[in-house]
PDB file of N, CA and C in Angstrom:
ATOM      1  N   MET A   1     -13.270  -8.336 -13.292  1.00  0.00           N
ATOM      2  CA  MET A   1     -11.820  -7.935 -12.722  1.00  0.00           C
ATOM      3  C   MET A   1     -11.029  -8.823 -12.709  1.00  0.00           C
ATOM      4  N   ASP A   2     -10.038  -9.079 -12.983  1.00  0.00           N
ATOM      5  CA  ASP A   2      -8.947  -9.767 -12.301  1.00  0.00           C
ATOM      6  C   ASP A   2      -7.977  -8.471 -11.171  1.00  0.00           C
ATOM      7  N   LYS A   3      -7.521  -9.333 -10.392  1.00  0.00           N
ATOM      8  CA  LYS A   3      -7.116  -8.493  -9.262  1.00  0.00           C
ATOM      9  C   LYS A   3      -5.928  -9.460  -8.941  1.00  0.00           C
ATOM     10  N   VAL A   4      -5.001  -8.460  -8.719  1.00  0.00           N
ATOM     11  CA  VAL A   4      -3.711  -9.096  -7.704  1.00  0.00           C
ATOM     12  C   VAL A   4      -3.594  -8.174  -6.872  1.00  0.00           C
ATOM     13  N   LEU A   5      -3.438  -9.218  -5.606  1.00  0.00           N
ATOM     14  CA  LEU A   5      -3.779  -8.938  -4.131  1.00  0.00           C
ATOM     15  C   LEU A   5      -2.311  -8.852  -3.270  1.00  0.00           C
ATOM     16  N   ILE A   6      -2.237  -8.012  -2.654  1.00  0.00           N
ATOM     17  CA  ILE A   6      -1.043  -8.167  -1.493  1.00  0.00           C
ATOM     18  C   ILE A   6      -1.571  -7.606  -0.193  1.00  0.00           C
ATOM     19  N   ARG A   7      -1.568  -8.699   1.018  1.00  0.00           N
ATOM     20  CA  ARG A   7      -2.037  -8.625   1.956  1.00  0.00           C
ATOM     21  C   ARG A   7      -1.413  -8.181   3.128  1.00  0.00           C
ATOM     22  N   GLN A   8      -1.349  -7.343   4.072  1.00  0.00           N
ATOM     23  CA  GLN A   8      -0.586  -7.009   5.428  1.00  0.00           C
ATOM     24  C   GLN A   8       0.825  -6.863   5.252  1.00  0.00           C
ATOM     25  N   LEU A   9       0.589  -5.965   4.278  1.00  0.00           N
ATOM     26  CA  LEU A   9       1.972  -5.803   3.437  1.00  0.00           C
ATOM     27  C   LEU A   9       2.513  -4.595   4.770  1.00  0.00           C
ATOM     28  N   ARG A  10       3.651  -5.241   5.571  1.00  0.00           N
ATOM     29  CA  ARG A  10       4.172  -4.333   7.412  1.00  0.00           C
ATOM     30  C   ARG A  10       5.236  -3.134   6.456  1.00  0.00           C
ATOM     31  N   ILE A  11       4.846  -2.233   6.686  1.00  0.00           N
ATOM     32  CA  ILE A  11       6.025  -1.305   6.370  1.00  0.00           C
ATOM     33  C   ILE A  11       6.353  -0.164   7.823  1.00  0.00           C
ATOM     34  N   ASP A  12       7.795  -0.316   7.975  1.00  0.00           N
ATOM     35  CA  ASP A  12       7.775  -0.243   9.138  1.00  0.00           C
ATOM     36  C   ASP A  12       8.319   1.796   9.097  1.00  0.00           C
ATOM     37  N   THR A  13       7.905   2.857   9.656  1.00  0.00           N
ATOM     38  CA  THR A  13       8.124   4.317   9.476  1.00  0.00           C
ATOM     39  C   THR A  13       7.814   5.363  10.158  1.00  0.00           C
ATOM     40  N   VAL A  14       8.446   6.231   9.946  1.00  0.00           N
ATOM     41  CA  VAL A  14       7.848   7.752  10.953  1.00  0.00           C
ATOM     42  C   VAL A  14       6.429   7.364  10.434  1.00  0.00           C
ATOM     43  N   ILE A  15       5.709   7.906  11.446  1.00  0.00           N
ATOM     44  CA  ILE A  15       3.837   8.322  10.976  1.00  0.00           C
ATOM     45  C   ILE A  15       3.616   8.610  12.682  1.00  0.00           C
ATOM     46  N   GLY A  16       2.909   9.800  12.255  1.00  0.00           N
ATOM     47  CA  GLY A  16       2.038  10.715  13.446  1.00  0.00           C
ATOM     48  C   GLY A  16       2.407  12.573  13.343  1.00  0.00           C
ATOM     49  N   VAL A  17       1.019  12.334  14.185  1.00  0.00           N
ATOM     50  CA  VAL A  17       0.915  13.907  14.274  1.00  0.00           C
ATOM     51  C   VAL A  17       1.575  14.456  15.000  1.00  0.00           C
ATOM     52  N   TYR A  18       1.734  13.567  16.837  1.00  0.00           N
ATOM     53  CA  TYR A  18       2.347  14.172  17.877  1.00  0.00           C
ATOM     54  C   TYR A  18       3.946  14.035  17.672  1.00  0.00           C
ATOM     55  N   ASP A  19       4.433  14.939  18.455  1.00  0.00           N
ATOM     56  CA  ASP A  19       6.135  15.020  18.569  1.00  0.00           C
ATOM     57  C   ASP A  19       6.390  13.799  18.956  1.00  0.00           C
ATOM     58  N   TRP A  20       6.182  13.049  20.170  1.00  0.00           N
ATOM     59  CA  TRP A  20       6.725  11.829  20.169  1.00  0.00           C
ATOM     60  C   TRP A  20       6.801  10.688  19.088  1.00  0.00           C
ATOM     61  N   GLU A  21       5.948  10.575  17.987  1.00  0.00           N
ATOM     62  CA  GLU A  21       5.603   9.789  17.026  1.00  0.00           C
ATOM     63  C   GLU A  21       6.385  10.667  16.101  1.00  0.00           C
ATOM     64  N   LYS A  22       6.787  11.588  15.944  1.00  0.00           N
ATOM     65  CA  LYS A  22       7.946  12.226  15.323  1.00  0.00           C
ATOM     66  C   LYS A  22       9.616  11.374  15.150  1.00  0.00           C
ATOM     67  N   LYS A  23       9.857  10.750  16.123  1.00  0.00           N
ATOM     68  CA  LYS A  23      10.892  10.260  17.077  1.00  0.00           C
ATOM     69  C   LYS A  23      11.130   8.958  17.022  1.00  0.00           C
ATOM     70  N   ILE A  24       9.712   8.216  16.844  1.00  0.00           N
ATOM     71  CA  ILE A  24       9.992   6.688  16.383  1.00  0.00           C
ATOM     72  C   ILE A  24       9.429   6.085  15.403  1.00  0.00           C
ATOM     73  N   GLN A  25       9.444   4.980  15.275  1.00  0.00           N
ATOM     74  CA  GLN A  25       8.914   4.059  13.864  1.00  0.00           C
ATOM     75  C   GLN A  25       7.635   3.665  14.514  1.00  0.00           C
ATOM     76  N   GLN A  26       6.869   3.751  13.483  1.00  0.00           N
ATOM     77  CA  GLN A  26       5.435   2.701  14.087  1.00  0.00           C
ATOM     78  C   GLN A  26       5.469   1.541  12.616  1.00  0.00           C
ATOM     79  N   SER A  27       4.550   0.756  13.042  1.00  0.00           N
ATOM     80  CA  SER A  27       4.159  -0.139  11.769  1.00  0.00           C
ATOM     81  C   SER A  27       2.634   0.169  11.162  1.00  0.00           C
ATOM     82  N   LEU A  28       2.714   0.090   9.817  1.00  0.00           N
ATOM     83  CA  LEU A  28       1.756   0.554   9.147  1.00  0.00           C
ATOM     84  C   LEU A  28       1.191  -1.221   8.486  1.00  0.00           C
ATOM     85  N   PHE A  29       0.537  -1.578   7.976  1.00  0.00           N
ATOM     86  CA  PHE A  29      -0.085  -2.719   7.379  1.00  0.00           C
ATOM     87  C   PHE A  29      -1.353  -2.410   6.270  1.00  0.00           C
ATOM     88  N   LEU A  30      -0.906  -2.499   4.800  1.00  0.00           N
ATOM     89  CA  LEU A  30      -1.275  -2.450   3.276  1.00  0.00           C
ATOM     90  C   LEU A  30      -2.041  -3.197   3.182  1.00  0.00           C
ATOM     91  N   ASP A  31      -3.179  -3.374   2.908  1.00  0.00           N
ATOM     92  CA  ASP A  31      -3.679  -4.296   1.838  1.00  0.00           C
ATOM     93  C   ASP A  31      -4.550  -3.768   0.832  1.00  0.00           C
ATOM     94  N   LEU A  32      -3.810  -4.612  -0.062  1.00  0.00           N
ATOM     95  CA  LEU A  32      -3.875  -3.851  -1.137  1.00  0.00           C
ATOM     96  C   LEU A  32      -4.755  -5.054  -2.595  1.00  0.00           C
ATOM     97  N   ASP A  33      -5.560  -4.633  -3.726  1.00  0.00           N
ATOM     98  CA  ASP A  33      -6.619  -5.240  -4.934  1.00  0.00           C
ATOM     99  C   ASP A  33      -6.075  -4.388  -5.700  1.00  0.00           C
ATOM    100  N   MET A  34      -5.621  -4.486  -6.304  1.00  0.00           N
ATOM    101  CA  MET A  34      -5.560  -4.076  -7.801  1.00  0.00           C
ATOM    102  C   MET A  34      -5.391  -4.928  -9.126  1.00  0.00           C
ATOM    103  N   ALA A  35      -6.314  -3.954  -9.858  1.00  0.00           N
ATOM    104  CA  ALA A  35      -6.978  -4.367 -11.245  1.00  0.00           C
ATOM    105  C   ALA A  35      -5.461  -4.661 -11.893  1.00  0.00           C
ATOM    106  N   TRP A  36      -5.725  -5.905 -12.623  1.00  0.00           N
ATOM    107  CA  TRP A  36      -4.885  -6.730 -13.511  1.00  0.00           C
ATOM    108  C   TRP A  36      -4.896  -7.710 -14.247  1.00  0.00           C
ATOM    109  N   ASP A  37      -5.461  -7.445 -15.578  1.00  0.00           N
ATOM    110  CA  ASP A  37      -5.570  -8.822 -16.264  1.00  0.00           C
ATOM    111  C   ASP A  37      -4.287  -9.720 -16.388  1.00  0.00           C
ATOM    112  N   ILE A  38      -4.993 -11.130 -15.537  1.00  0.00           N
ATOM    113  CA  ILE A  38      -4.079 -11.967 -15.610  1.00  0.00           C
ATOM    114  C   ILE A  38      -3.671 -12.870 -17.204  1.00  0.00           C
ATOM    115  N   LYS A  39      -4.954 -12.870 -17.721  1.00  0.00           N
ATOM    116  CA  LYS A  39      -4.560 -13.697 -18.872  1.00  0.00           C
ATOM    117  C   LYS A  39      -3.411 -14.130 -19.693  1.00  0.00           C
ATOM    118  N   GLN A  40      -2.914 -13.070 -20.301  1.00  0.00           N
ATOM    119  CA  GLN A  40      -1.695 -13.167 -20.827  1.00  0.00           C
ATOM    120  C   GLN A  40      -0.330 -14.182 -19.984  1.00  0.00           C
ATOM    121  N   ALA A  41      -0.752 -13.641 -18.553  1.00  0.00           N
ATOM    122  CA  ALA A  41       0.669 -13.954 -17.792  1.00  0.00           C
ATOM    123  C   ALA A  41       0.499 -15.930 -17.479  1.00  0.00           C
ATOM    124  N   ALA A  42      -1.024 -16.012 -17.557  1.00  0.00           N
ATOM    125  CA  ALA A  42      -1.419 -17.174 -17.513  1.00  0.00           C
ATOM    126  C   ALA A  42      -1.363 -18.282 -18.421  1.00  0.00           C
ATOM    127  N   ALA A  43      -1.508 -17.247 -19.641  1.00  0.00           N
ATOM    128  CA  ALA A  43      -1.500 -18.500 -21.102  1.00  0.00           C
ATOM    129  C   ALA A  43      -0.500 -19.069 -21.293  1.00  0.00           C
ATOM    130  N   THR A  44       0.511 -17.929 -21.099  1.00  0.00           N
ATOM    131  CA  THR A  44       1.973 -18.366 -21.126  1.00  0.00           C
ATOM    132  C   THR A  44       3.014 -18.720 -20.284  1.00  0.00           C
ATOM    133  N   ASP A  45       2.372 -18.358 -18.878  1.00  0.00           N
ATOM    134  CA  ASP A  45       3.448 -18.858 -17.540  1.00  0.00           C
ATOM    135  C   ASP A  45       4.685 -18.476 -17.737  1.00  0.00           C
ATOM    136  N   ASP A  46       3.935 -17.207 -18.456  1.00  0.00           N
ATOM    137  CA  ASP A  46       5.498 -15.663 -18.349  1.00  0.00           C
ATOM    138  C   ASP A  46       5.615 -14.547 -17.578  1.00  0.00           C
ATOM    139  N   TYR A  47       6.539 -14.480 -16.788  1.00  0.00           N
ATOM    140  CA  TYR A  47       7.030 -13.627 -15.468  1.00  0.00           C
ATOM    141  C   TYR A  47       6.473 -12.420 -16.609  1.00  0.00           C
ATOM    142  N   LYS A  48       6.782 -12.233 -17.172  1.00  0.00           N
ATOM    143  CA  LYS A  48       6.900 -10.584 -17.543  1.00  0.00           C
ATOM    144  C   LYS A  48       5.573  -9.551 -18.117  1.00  0.00           C
ATOM    145  N   PHE A  49       4.535 -10.486 -17.545  1.00  0.00           N
ATOM    146  CA  PHE A  49       3.312 -10.327 -17.798  1.00  0.00           C
ATOM    147  C   PHE A  49       2.632 -10.282 -16.691  1.00  0.00           C
ATOM    148  N   ALA A  50       3.638 -10.419 -15.870  1.00  0.00           N
ATOM    149  CA  ALA A  50       2.610 -10.530 -14.542  1.00  0.00           C
ATOM    150  C   ALA A  50       2.801  -9.139 -13.822  1.00  0.00           C
ATOM    151  N   LEU A  51       1.857  -9.289 -12.913  1.00  0.00           N
ATOM    152  CA  LEU A  51       2.588  -8.039 -12.046  1.00  0.00           C
ATOM    153  C   LEU A  51       3.291  -9.009 -10.850  1.00  0.00           C
ATOM    154  N   CYS A  52       4.698  -7.595 -10.540  1.00  0.00           N
ATOM    155  CA  CYS A  52       5.795  -8.696  -9.559  1.00  0.00           C
ATOM    156  C   CYS A  52       5.105  -8.127  -8.130  1.00  0.00           C
ATOM    157  N   TYR A  53       5.280  -9.053  -7.182  1.00  0.00           N
ATOM    158  CA  TYR A  53       4.371  -8.607  -5.841  1.00  0.00           C
ATOM    159  C   TYR A  53       6.194  -7.977  -5.305  1.00  0.00           C
ATOM    160  N   GLU A  54       6.693  -9.095  -5.603  1.00  0.00           N
ATOM    161  CA  GLU A  54       7.769  -7.992  -4.436  1.00  0.00           C
ATOM    162  C   GLU A  54       8.441  -6.486  -5.467  1.00  0.00           C
ATOM    163  N   THR A  55       8.113  -6.422  -6.558  1.00  0.00           N
ATOM    164  CA  THR A  55       8.329  -5.207  -6.976  1.00  0.00           C
ATOM    165  C   THR A  55       7.813  -4.229  -6.670  1.00  0.00           C
ATOM    166  N   VAL A  56       6.213  -4.197  -6.225  1.00  0.00           N
ATOM    167  CA  VAL A  56       5.296  -3.396  -6.057  1.00  0.00           C
ATOM    168  C   VAL A  56       5.421  -3.902  -4.415  1.00  0.00           C
ATOM    169  N   SER A  57       5.982  -4.037  -3.675  1.00  0.00           N
ATOM    170  CA  SER A  57       6.146  -4.234  -2.378  1.00  0.00           C
ATOM    171  C   SER A  57       7.470  -3.363  -1.991  1.00  0.00           C
ATOM    172  N   ASN A  58       8.289  -3.744  -2.612  1.00  0.00           N
ATOM    173  CA  ASN A  58       9.549  -2.343  -2.584  1.00  0.00           C
ATOM    174  C   ASN A  58       9.517  -0.951  -2.657  1.00  0.00           C
ATOM    175  N   ARG A  59       8.570  -1.337  -3.754  1.00  0.00           N
ATOM    176  CA  ARG A  59       8.749   0.103  -4.307  1.00  0.00           C
ATOM    177  C   ARG A  59       7.764   0.849  -2.884  1.00  0.00           C
ATOM    178  N   LEU A  60       6.272   0.628  -2.676  1.00  0.00           N
ATOM    179  CA  LEU A  60       5.558   1.294  -1.685  1.00  0.00           C
ATOM    180  C   LEU A  60       6.512   1.051  -0.464  1.00  0.00           C
ATOM    181  N   THR A  61       7.261   0.601  -0.322  1.00  0.00           N
ATOM    182  CA  THR A  61       8.291   0.673   1.320  1.00  0.00           C
ATOM    183  C   THR A  61       9.161   1.680   0.935  1.00  0.00           C
ATOM    184  N   GLN A  62      10.053   2.215   0.268  1.00  0.00           N
ATOM    185  CA  GLN A  62      10.105   3.405   0.166  1.00  0.00           C
ATOM    186  C   GLN A  62       9.763   4.524  -0.557  1.00  0.00           C
ATOM    187  N   LEU A  63       8.286   4.027  -0.649  1.00  0.00           N
ATOM    188  CA  LEU A  63       7.740   5.811  -0.992  1.00  0.00           C
ATOM    189  C   LEU A  63       7.428   5.998   0.583  1.00  0.00           C
ATOM    190  N   VAL A  64       6.483   4.954   1.173  1.00  0.00           N
ATOM    191  CA  VAL A  64       6.291   5.874   2.418  1.00  0.00           C
ATOM    192  C   VAL A  64       7.291   5.585   3.321  1.00  0.00           C
ATOM    193  N   THR A  65       8.393   5.323   3.018  1.00  0.00           N
ATOM    194  CA  THR A  65       9.434   5.755   4.148  1.00  0.00           C
ATOM    195  C   THR A  65      10.549   6.381   3.925  1.00  0.00           C
ATOM    196  N   GLU A  66      10.041   6.761   2.779  1.00  0.00           N
ATOM    197  CA  GLU A  66      11.308   8.111   2.578  1.00  0.00           C
ATOM    198  C   GLU A  66      11.262   9.462   2.888  1.00  0.00           C
ATOM    199  N   HIS A  67       9.841   9.446   3.442  1.00  0.00           N
ATOM    200  CA  HIS A  67       9.968  11.077   4.453  1.00  0.00           C
ATOM    201  C   HIS A  67       8.670  10.839   5.341  1.00  0.00           C
ATOM    202  N   PRO A  68       9.048  11.604   6.397  1.00  0.00           N
ATOM    203  CA  PRO A  68       8.163  11.081   7.528  1.00  0.00           C
ATOM    204  C   PRO A  68       6.481  11.967   7.150  1.00  0.00           C
ATOM    205  N   ILE A  69       5.743  10.963   7.388  1.00  0.00           N
ATOM    206  CA  ILE A  69       4.577  11.474   7.106  1.00  0.00           C
ATOM    207  C   ILE A  69       3.675  11.658   8.454  1.00  0.00           C
ATOM    208  N   GLU A  70       2.245  12.458   8.517  1.00  0.00           N
ATOM    209  CA  GLU A  70       1.941  12.834   9.493  1.00  0.00           C
ATOM    210  C   GLU A  70       0.064  11.898   9.299  1.00  0.00           C
ATOM    211  N   LEU A  71      -0.348  12.245   8.439  1.00  0.00           N
ATOM    212  CA  LEU A  71      -1.834  11.037   8.205  1.00  0.00           C
ATOM    213  C   LEU A  71      -1.852   9.753   7.393  1.00  0.00           C
ATOM    214  N   ILE A  72      -2.186   8.832   7.636  1.00  0.00           N
ATOM    215  CA  ILE A  72      -2.436   7.259   7.104  1.00  0.00           C
ATOM    216  C   ILE A  72      -3.285   7.985   5.408  1.00  0.00           C
ATOM    217  N   GLU A  73      -4.475   8.771   5.789  1.00  0.00           N
ATOM    218  CA  GLU A  73      -4.683   9.491   4.752  1.00  0.00           C
ATOM    219  C   GLU A  73      -4.190   9.594   3.186  1.00  0.00           C
ATOM    220  N   THR A  74      -2.603  10.070   3.735  1.00  0.00           N
ATOM    221  CA  THR A  74      -1.666  10.568   2.983  1.00  0.00           C
ATOM    222  C   THR A  74      -0.871   9.625   2.658  1.00  0.00           C
ATOM    223  N   VAL A  75      -0.788   8.537   3.232  1.00  0.00           N
ATOM    224  CA  VAL A  75       0.155   7.512   2.953  1.00  0.00           C
ATOM    225  C   VAL A  75      -0.707   6.490   1.462  1.00  0.00           C
ATOM    226  N   ALA A  76      -2.036   6.168   2.259  1.00  0.00           N
ATOM    227  CA  ALA A  76      -3.365   6.029   1.287  1.00  0.00           C
ATOM    228  C   ALA A  76      -3.741   6.093  -0.332  1.00  0.00           C
ATOM    229  N   GLU A  77      -3.613   7.334  -0.205  1.00  0.00           N
ATOM    230  CA  GLU A  77      -3.523   8.207  -1.297  1.00  0.00           C
ATOM    231  C   GLU A  77      -2.255   8.332  -2.380  1.00  0.00           C
ATOM    232  N   ARG A  78      -0.926   8.556  -1.695  1.00  0.00           N
ATOM    233  CA  ARG A  78       0.381   8.084  -2.644  1.00  0.00           C
ATOM    234  C   ARG A  78       0.679   7.321  -3.117  1.00  0.00           C
ATOM    235  N   VAL A  79       0.013   5.731  -1.994  1.00  0.00           N
ATOM    236  CA  VAL A  79       0.556   4.394  -2.425  1.00  0.00           C
ATOM    237  C   VAL A  79      -0.667   4.428  -3.683  1.00  0.00           C
ATOM    238  N   ALA A  80      -2.207   4.807  -3.872  1.00  0.00           N
ATOM    239  CA  ALA A  80      -2.717   4.440  -4.822  1.00  0.00           C
ATOM    240  C   ALA A  80      -2.090   5.385  -6.146  1.00  0.00           C
ATOM    241  N   GLU A  81      -1.939   6.357  -5.968  1.00  0.00           N
ATOM    242  CA  GLU A  81      -1.296   7.415  -7.003  1.00  0.00           C
ATOM    243  C   GLU A  81      -0.306   6.378  -7.937  1.00  0.00           C
ATOM    244  N   CYS A  82       1.135   5.868  -6.740  1.00  0.00           N
ATOM    245  CA  CYS A  82       2.368   4.766  -7.290  1.00  0.00           C
ATOM    246  C   CYS A  82       2.052   4.303  -8.157  1.00  0.00           C
ATOM    247  N   LEU A  83       0.869   3.099  -7.934  1.00  0.00           N
ATOM    248  CA  LEU A  83      -0.112   2.044  -8.532  1.00  0.00           C
ATOM    249  C   LEU A  83      -0.380   2.447  -9.675  1.00  0.00           C
ATOM    250  N   LEU A  84      -1.223   3.466  -9.754  1.00  0.00           N
ATOM    251  CA  LEU A  84      -2.026   3.465 -10.812  1.00  0.00           C
ATOM    252  C   LEU A  84      -0.701   4.336 -11.925  1.00  0.00           C
ATOM    253  N   THR A  85       0.008   4.893 -12.007  1.00  0.00           N
ATOM    254  CA  THR A  85       0.806   5.792 -12.526  1.00  0.00           C
ATOM    255  C   THR A  85       2.316   4.729 -13.060  1.00  0.00           C
ATOM    256  N   GLU A  86       2.658   4.639 -12.014  1.00  0.00           N
ATOM    257  CA  GLU A  86       3.867   3.897 -12.099  1.00  0.00           C
ATOM    258  C   GLU A  86       3.911   2.305 -12.654  1.00  0.00           C
ATOM    259  N   PHE A  87       2.667   1.455 -12.139  1.00  0.00           N
ATOM    260  CA  PHE A  87       2.627   0.046 -12.518  1.00  0.00           C
ATOM    261  C   PHE A  87       1.571   0.048 -13.201  1.00  0.00           C
ATOM    262  N   LYS A  88       0.875   1.100 -13.946  1.00  0.00           N
ATOM    263  CA  LYS A  88      -0.374   0.807 -14.752  1.00  0.00           C
ATOM    264  C   LYS A  88      -1.480   0.222 -14.361  1.00  0.00           C
ATOM    265  N   VAL A  89      -1.710  -0.072 -13.008  1.00  0.00           N
ATOM    266  CA  VAL A  89      -3.044  -0.735 -12.741  1.00  0.00           C
ATOM    267  C   VAL A  89      -4.293   0.370 -13.482  1.00  0.00           C
ATOM    268  N   THR A  90      -5.454  -0.074 -13.245  1.00  0.00           N
ATOM    269  CA  THR A  90      -6.543   0.566 -13.575  1.00  0.00           C
ATOM    270  C   THR A  90      -6.936   1.039 -12.613  1.00  0.00           C
ATOM    271  N   TRP A  91      -7.172   0.135 -11.303  1.00  0.00           N
ATOM    272  CA  TRP A  91      -7.979   0.422 -10.274  1.00  0.00           C
ATOM    273  C   TRP A  91      -7.668  -0.356  -9.452  1.00  0.00           C
ATOM    274  N   VAL A  92      -7.672   0.731  -7.899  1.00  0.00           N
ATOM    275  CA  VAL A  92      -6.859   0.313  -7.001  1.00  0.00           C
ATOM    276  C   VAL A  92      -7.605   0.425  -5.575  1.00  0.00           C
ATOM    277  N   LYS A  93      -7.381  -0.528  -4.576  1.00  0.00           N
ATOM    278  CA  LYS A  93      -8.455  -0.456  -3.102  1.00  0.00           C
ATOM    279  C   LYS A  93      -7.229  -0.927  -2.370  1.00  0.00           C
ATOM    280  N   VAL A  94      -6.590   0.681  -1.349  1.00  0.00           N
ATOM    281  CA  VAL A  94      -5.916   0.762  -0.466  1.00  0.00           C
ATOM    282  C   VAL A  94      -6.535   0.752   0.459  1.00  0.00           C
ATOM    283  N   VAL A  95      -6.238  -0.255   1.811  1.00  0.00           N
ATOM    284  CA  VAL A  95      -6.463  -0.228   2.912  1.00  0.00           C
ATOM    285  C   VAL A  95      -4.745   0.108   3.615  1.00  0.00           C
ATOM    286  N   VAL A  96      -4.663   0.987   5.032  1.00  0.00           N
ATOM    287  CA  VAL A  96      -3.816   1.348   5.648  1.00  0.00           C
ATOM    288  C   VAL A  96      -4.451   1.160   7.204  1.00  0.00           C
ATOM    289  N   MET A  97      -3.464   0.519   7.850  1.00  0.00           N
ATOM    290  CA  MET A  97      -3.988   0.388   9.221  1.00  0.00           C
ATOM    291  C   MET A  97      -2.936   0.642   9.881  1.00  0.00           C
ATOM    292  N   LYS A  98      -3.491   1.154  11.152  1.00  0.00           N
ATOM    293  CA  LYS A  98      -2.005   1.607  12.168  1.00  0.00           C
ATOM    294  C   LYS A  98      -2.415   1.177  13.312  1.00  0.00           C
ATOM    295  N   PRO A  99      -1.729  -0.085  13.889  1.00  0.00           N
ATOM    296  CA  PRO A  99      -2.250  -0.902  15.066  1.00  0.00           C
ATOM    297  C   PRO A  99      -1.613   0.352  16.310  1.00  0.00           C
ATOM    298  N   GLY A 100      -2.308   0.022  17.612  1.00  0.00           N
ATOM    299  CA  GLY A 100      -2.049   0.683  18.463  1.00  0.00           C
ATOM    300  C   GLY A 100      -2.239   1.798  18.539  1.00  0.00           C
ATOM    301  N   ALA A 101      -2.917   2.668  17.596  1.00  0.00           N
ATOM    302  CA  ALA A 101      -2.590   4.217  17.253  1.00  0.00           C
ATOM    303  C   ALA A 101      -3.868   4.682  18.135  1.00  0.00           C
ATOM    304  N   VAL A 102      -4.764   4.071  18.822  1.00  0.00           N
ATOM    305  CA  VAL A 102      -6.087   4.092  19.845  1.00  0.00           C
ATOM    306  C   VAL A 102      -6.351   3.070  20.906  1.00  0.00           C
ATOM    307  N   PRO A 103      -5.856   3.311  22.084  1.00  0.00           N
ATOM    308  CA  PRO A 103      -5.002   2.069  23.083  1.00  0.00           C
ATOM    309  C   PRO A 103      -6.696   1.284  23.379  1.00  0.00           C
ATOM    310  N   THR A 104      -7.631   1.866  22.919  1.00  0.00           N
ATOM    311  CA  THR A 104      -8.808   0.426  23.136  1.00  0.00           C
ATOM    312  C   THR A 104      -9.372  -0.202  21.505  1.00  0.00           C
ATOM    313  N   ALA A 105      -8.267   0.123  20.713  1.00  0.00           N
ATOM    314  CA  ALA A 105      -8.870  -0.445  18.991  1.00  0.00           C
ATOM    315  C   ALA A 105      -7.454  -1.230  18.935  1.00  0.00           C
ATOM    316  N   ALA A 106      -7.814  -2.177  18.513  1.00  0.00           N
ATOM    317  CA  ALA A 106      -6.744  -3.245  17.914  1.00  0.00           C
ATOM    318  C   ALA A 106      -5.760  -2.719  16.850  1.00  0.00           C
ATOM    319  N   SER A 107      -6.768  -1.589  15.815  1.00  0.00           N
ATOM    320  CA  SER A 107      -6.136  -1.158  15.162  1.00  0.00           C
ATOM    321  C   SER A 107      -6.732   0.104  14.357  1.00  0.00           C
ATOM    322  N   VAL A 108      -6.473   1.099  13.880  1.00  0.00           N
ATOM    323  CA  VAL A 108      -7.211   1.587  13.136  1.00  0.00           C
ATOM    324  C   VAL A 108      -7.114   1.950  11.676  1.00  0.00           C
ATOM    325  N   GLY A 109      -8.138   2.504  10.774  1.00  0.00           N
ATOM    326  CA  GLY A 109      -7.217   2.445   9.241  1.00  0.00           C
ATOM    327  C   GLY A 109      -8.411   3.500   8.284  1.00  0.00           C
ATOM    328  N   VAL A 110      -7.956   3.298   7.844  1.00  0.00           N
ATOM    329  CA  VAL A 110      -8.960   3.950   6.268  1.00  0.00           C
ATOM    330  C   VAL A 110      -8.718   3.393   4.868  1.00  0.00           C
ATOM    331  N   GLU A 111      -9.504   3.127   3.975  1.00  0.00           N
ATOM    332  CA  GLU A 111      -9.514   2.278   2.754  1.00  0.00           C
ATOM    333  C   GLU A 111      -9.966   3.459   1.623  1.00  0.00           C
ATOM    334  N   ILE A 112      -9.587   3.340   0.936  1.00  0.00           N
ATOM    335  CA  ILE A 112      -9.833   4.230  -0.387  1.00  0.00           C
ATOM    336  C   ILE A 112      -9.907   3.457  -1.769  1.00  0.00           C
ATOM    337  N   GLU A 113     -10.336   4.026  -2.541  1.00  0.00           N
ATOM    338  CA  GLU A 113     -10.387   2.992  -3.828  1.00  0.00           C
ATOM    339  C   GLU A 113     -10.255   4.155  -5.254  1.00  0.00           C
ATOM    340  N   ARG A 114      -9.299   4.039  -5.965  1.00  0.00           N
ATOM    341  CA  ARG A 114      -9.040   5.192  -7.378  1.00  0.00           C
ATOM    342  C   ARG A 114      -8.559   4.238  -8.621  1.00  0.00           C
ATOM    343  N   SER A 115      -8.722   5.032  -9.351  1.00  0.00           N
ATOM    344  CA  SER A 115      -8.886   4.101 -10.605  1.00  0.00           C
ATOM    345  C   SER A 115      -8.271   5.144 -11.715  1.00  0.00           C
ATOM    346  N   ARG A 116      -7.878   5.195 -13.087  1.00  0.00           N
ATOM    347  CA  ARG A 116      -7.276   5.775 -13.877  1.00  0.00           C
ATOM    348  C   ARG A 116      -8.277   5.709 -14.988  1.00  0.00           C
TER     349      ARG A 116
END
C-alpha cells in the first residue's frame, strides 16, 4: 500500500472540557498516514494525480477550528471522516496529540485507523 504522510500538522484551536480551556486556544499536532495510489502521479510527474498536502492541511485546519471541540477523540473521528469522504482515501491513520494536557507528560493523544 502506498501512503501519503503529513507529520506534526499544528492546529491552534479551542479544545477542552474545562471552562478555562473554552476561553483559550491550544495547539494540537496531527500525524496522518493516508492510503493513496501514487503510481500514476509518479509515472506522469503530474500534480493532478497526487494527493495535495497543502489542500489536505488547509481543509483539516478549517475543520478543526470552525467550532470549539471538547475531545481529541472527536477531532480524530472528524479528521478521518473528512479524509475518507472528501479526499477519497481508502484508509487513514490519524494521531492527535495535545501537548501540555497533563503536567507530568510531554503530550497525550489518541490514534485511530479507519477505512471505507
